[in-house]
């Protein structure tokens, strides 16, 4: 039962994008070990800004 709960939690977090920051931090530590990653707040703000269309088309 415990394994099923973990699997469900993992799936829901993936679908909702909640695991995006965790994935970013893990990847950042591999690619840029000499730089600190963005804070979670900065990460979500940047992600939102990049997803927002610029201009009319």
N, C-alpha and C. Protein backbone atom coordinates (compact mmCIF):
# COMPACT_ATOMS: atom_id res chain seq x y z
N UNK A 1 0.83 -1.20 0.00
CA UNK A 1 0.00 0.00 0.00
C UNK A 1 0.87 1.26 0.00
N UNK A 2 1.95 1.18 0.77
CA UNK A 2 2.85 2.33 0.85
C UNK A 2 3.49 2.64 -0.51
N UNK A 3 3.87 1.59 -1.21
CA UNK A 3 4.46 1.77 -2.54
C UNK A 3 3.48 2.37 -3.53
N UNK A 4 2.23 1.97 -3.42
CA UNK A 4 1.20 2.52 -4.31
C UNK A 4 1.00 4.01 -4.03
N UNK A 5 1.02 4.39 -2.76
CA UNK A 5 0.87 5.81 -2.39
C UNK A 5 2.03 6.63 -2.96
N UNK A 6 3.25 6.11 -2.83
CA UNK A 6 4.42 6.82 -3.36
C UNK A 6 4.34 6.96 -4.87
N UNK A 7 3.92 5.91 -5.54
CA UNK A 7 3.79 5.95 -6.99
C UNK A 7 2.74 6.96 -7.41
N UNK A 8 1.63 7.00 -6.71
CA UNK A 8 0.57 7.96 -7.02
C UNK A 8 1.06 9.38 -6.79
N UNK A 9 1.74 9.61 -5.68
CA UNK A 9 2.27 10.94 -5.37
C UNK A 9 3.26 11.37 -6.45
N UNK A 10 4.16 10.47 -6.86
CA UNK A 10 5.14 10.77 -7.90
C UNK A 10 4.43 11.14 -9.20
N UNK A 11 3.41 10.39 -9.55
CA UNK A 11 2.68 10.63 -10.80
C UNK A 11 1.96 11.98 -10.76
N UNK A 12 1.27 12.26 -9.66
CA UNK A 12 0.53 13.53 -9.54
C UNK A 12 1.49 14.71 -9.60
N UNK A 13 2.60 14.63 -8.89
CA UNK A 13 3.58 15.72 -8.92
C UNK A 13 4.11 15.93 -10.33
N UNK A 14 4.33 14.85 -11.05
CA UNK A 14 4.82 14.97 -12.43
C UNK A 14 3.79 15.61 -13.35
N UNK A 15 2.56 15.21 -13.21
CA UNK A 15 1.49 15.75 -14.06
C UNK A 15 1.28 17.23 -13.78
N UNK A 16 1.31 17.61 -12.51
CA UNK A 16 1.08 19.01 -12.14
C UNK A 16 2.31 19.89 -12.31
N UNK A 17 3.45 19.28 -12.56
CA UNK A 17 4.67 20.06 -12.73
C UNK A 17 5.36 20.41 -11.43
N UNK A 18 4.88 19.88 -10.32
CA UNK A 18 5.44 20.20 -9.01
C UNK A 18 6.86 19.68 -8.85
N UNK A 19 7.23 18.68 -9.61
CA UNK A 19 8.58 18.12 -9.50
C UNK A 19 9.57 18.87 -10.39
N UNK A 20 9.13 19.88 -11.10
CA UNK A 20 10.00 20.59 -12.04
C UNK A 20 11.18 21.25 -11.32
N UNK A 21 10.94 21.84 -10.16
CA UNK A 21 12.03 22.49 -9.44
C UNK A 21 13.04 21.46 -8.95
N UNK A 22 12.57 20.34 -8.43
CA UNK A 22 13.47 19.29 -7.96
C UNK A 22 14.34 18.78 -9.12
N UNK A 23 13.73 18.61 -10.27
CA UNK A 23 14.46 18.16 -11.46
C UNK A 23 15.49 19.20 -11.88
N UNK A 24 15.09 20.47 -11.84
CA UNK A 24 16.00 21.56 -12.19
C UNK A 24 17.21 21.58 -11.26
N UNK A 25 16.99 21.48 -9.96
CA UNK A 25 18.09 21.53 -8.99
C UNK A 25 19.04 20.36 -9.20
N UNK A 26 18.50 19.17 -9.39
CA UNK A 26 19.34 18.00 -9.61
C UNK A 26 20.19 18.17 -10.88
N UNK A 27 19.58 18.64 -11.94
CA UNK A 27 20.31 18.83 -13.20
C UNK A 27 21.33 19.96 -13.07
N UNK A 28 20.97 21.02 -12.37
CA UNK A 28 21.85 22.17 -12.19
C UNK A 28 23.11 21.77 -11.43
N UNK A 29 22.96 20.93 -10.43
CA UNK A 29 24.13 20.48 -9.65
C UNK A 29 25.10 19.68 -10.51
N UNK A 30 24.58 18.97 -11.50
CA UNK A 30 25.45 18.20 -12.40
C UNK A 30 26.12 19.12 -13.41
N UNK A 31 25.34 20.00 -14.03
CA UNK A 31 25.84 20.85 -15.11
C UNK A 31 26.65 22.05 -14.63
N UNK A 32 26.28 22.61 -13.47
CA UNK A 32 26.90 23.84 -12.97
C UNK A 32 27.22 23.73 -11.48
N UNK A 33 28.12 22.84 -11.10
CA UNK A 33 28.39 22.64 -9.67
C UNK A 33 29.01 23.85 -8.99
N UNK A 34 29.57 24.78 -9.77
CA UNK A 34 30.21 25.95 -9.19
C UNK A 34 29.26 27.13 -9.01
N UNK A 35 28.01 27.01 -9.42
CA UNK A 35 27.02 28.08 -9.26
C UNK A 35 25.83 27.59 -8.45
N UNK A 36 25.31 28.46 -7.62
CA UNK A 36 24.11 28.12 -6.84
C UNK A 36 22.89 28.12 -7.76
N UNK A 37 21.97 27.20 -7.56
CA UNK A 37 20.74 27.21 -8.38
C UNK A 37 19.84 28.37 -7.97
N UNK A 38 18.88 28.68 -8.82
CA UNK A 38 17.89 29.69 -8.48
C UNK A 38 17.10 29.23 -7.26
N UNK A 39 16.58 30.19 -6.51
CA UNK A 39 15.68 29.81 -5.43
C UNK A 39 14.40 29.27 -6.07
N UNK A 40 13.61 28.58 -5.29
CA UNK A 40 12.38 28.02 -5.85
C UNK A 40 11.47 29.13 -6.37
N UNK A 41 11.41 30.22 -5.65
CA UNK A 41 10.57 31.35 -6.08
C UNK A 41 11.08 31.93 -7.41
N UNK A 42 12.39 32.13 -7.51
CA UNK A 42 12.96 32.65 -8.75
C UNK A 42 12.73 31.68 -9.92
N UNK A 43 12.87 30.38 -9.64
CA UNK A 43 12.65 29.37 -10.68
C UNK A 43 11.24 29.46 -11.24
N UNK A 44 10.24 29.50 -10.36
CA UNK A 44 8.85 29.52 -10.83
C UNK A 44 8.53 30.83 -11.54
N UNK A 45 9.10 31.94 -11.05
CA UNK A 45 8.86 33.22 -11.72
C UNK A 45 9.45 33.19 -13.13
N UNK A 46 10.67 32.71 -13.28
CA UNK A 46 11.31 32.63 -14.60
C UNK A 46 10.54 31.69 -15.52
N UNK A 47 10.12 30.57 -14.98
CA UNK A 47 9.36 29.60 -15.79
C UNK A 47 8.06 30.23 -16.29
N UNK A 48 7.39 30.97 -15.42
CA UNK A 48 6.14 31.63 -15.81
C UNK A 48 6.41 32.70 -16.86
N UNK A 49 7.47 33.48 -16.67
CA UNK A 49 7.80 34.53 -17.63
C UNK A 49 8.12 33.95 -19.00
N UNK A 50 8.83 32.82 -19.03
CA UNK A 50 9.19 32.20 -20.30
C UNK A 50 7.98 31.55 -20.99
N UNK A 51 6.98 31.17 -20.21
CA UNK A 51 5.80 30.53 -20.78
C UNK A 51 4.78 31.55 -21.29
N UNK A 52 4.92 32.80 -20.85
CA UNK A 52 3.98 33.84 -21.25
C UNK A 52 4.33 34.33 -22.65
N UNK A 53 3.37 34.29 -23.56
CA UNK A 53 3.64 34.76 -24.93
C UNK A 53 3.98 36.25 -24.95
N UNK A 54 4.92 36.59 -25.78
CA UNK A 54 5.31 38.00 -25.94
C UNK A 54 4.78 38.47 -27.29
N UNK A 55 4.08 39.55 -27.31
CA UNK A 55 3.55 40.07 -28.56
C UNK A 55 2.21 39.45 -28.91
N UNK A 56 1.73 39.76 -30.06
CA UNK A 56 0.39 39.30 -30.45
C UNK A 56 0.37 37.91 -31.07
N UNK A 57 1.48 37.46 -31.64
CA UNK A 57 1.42 36.20 -32.39
C UNK A 57 2.42 35.21 -31.91
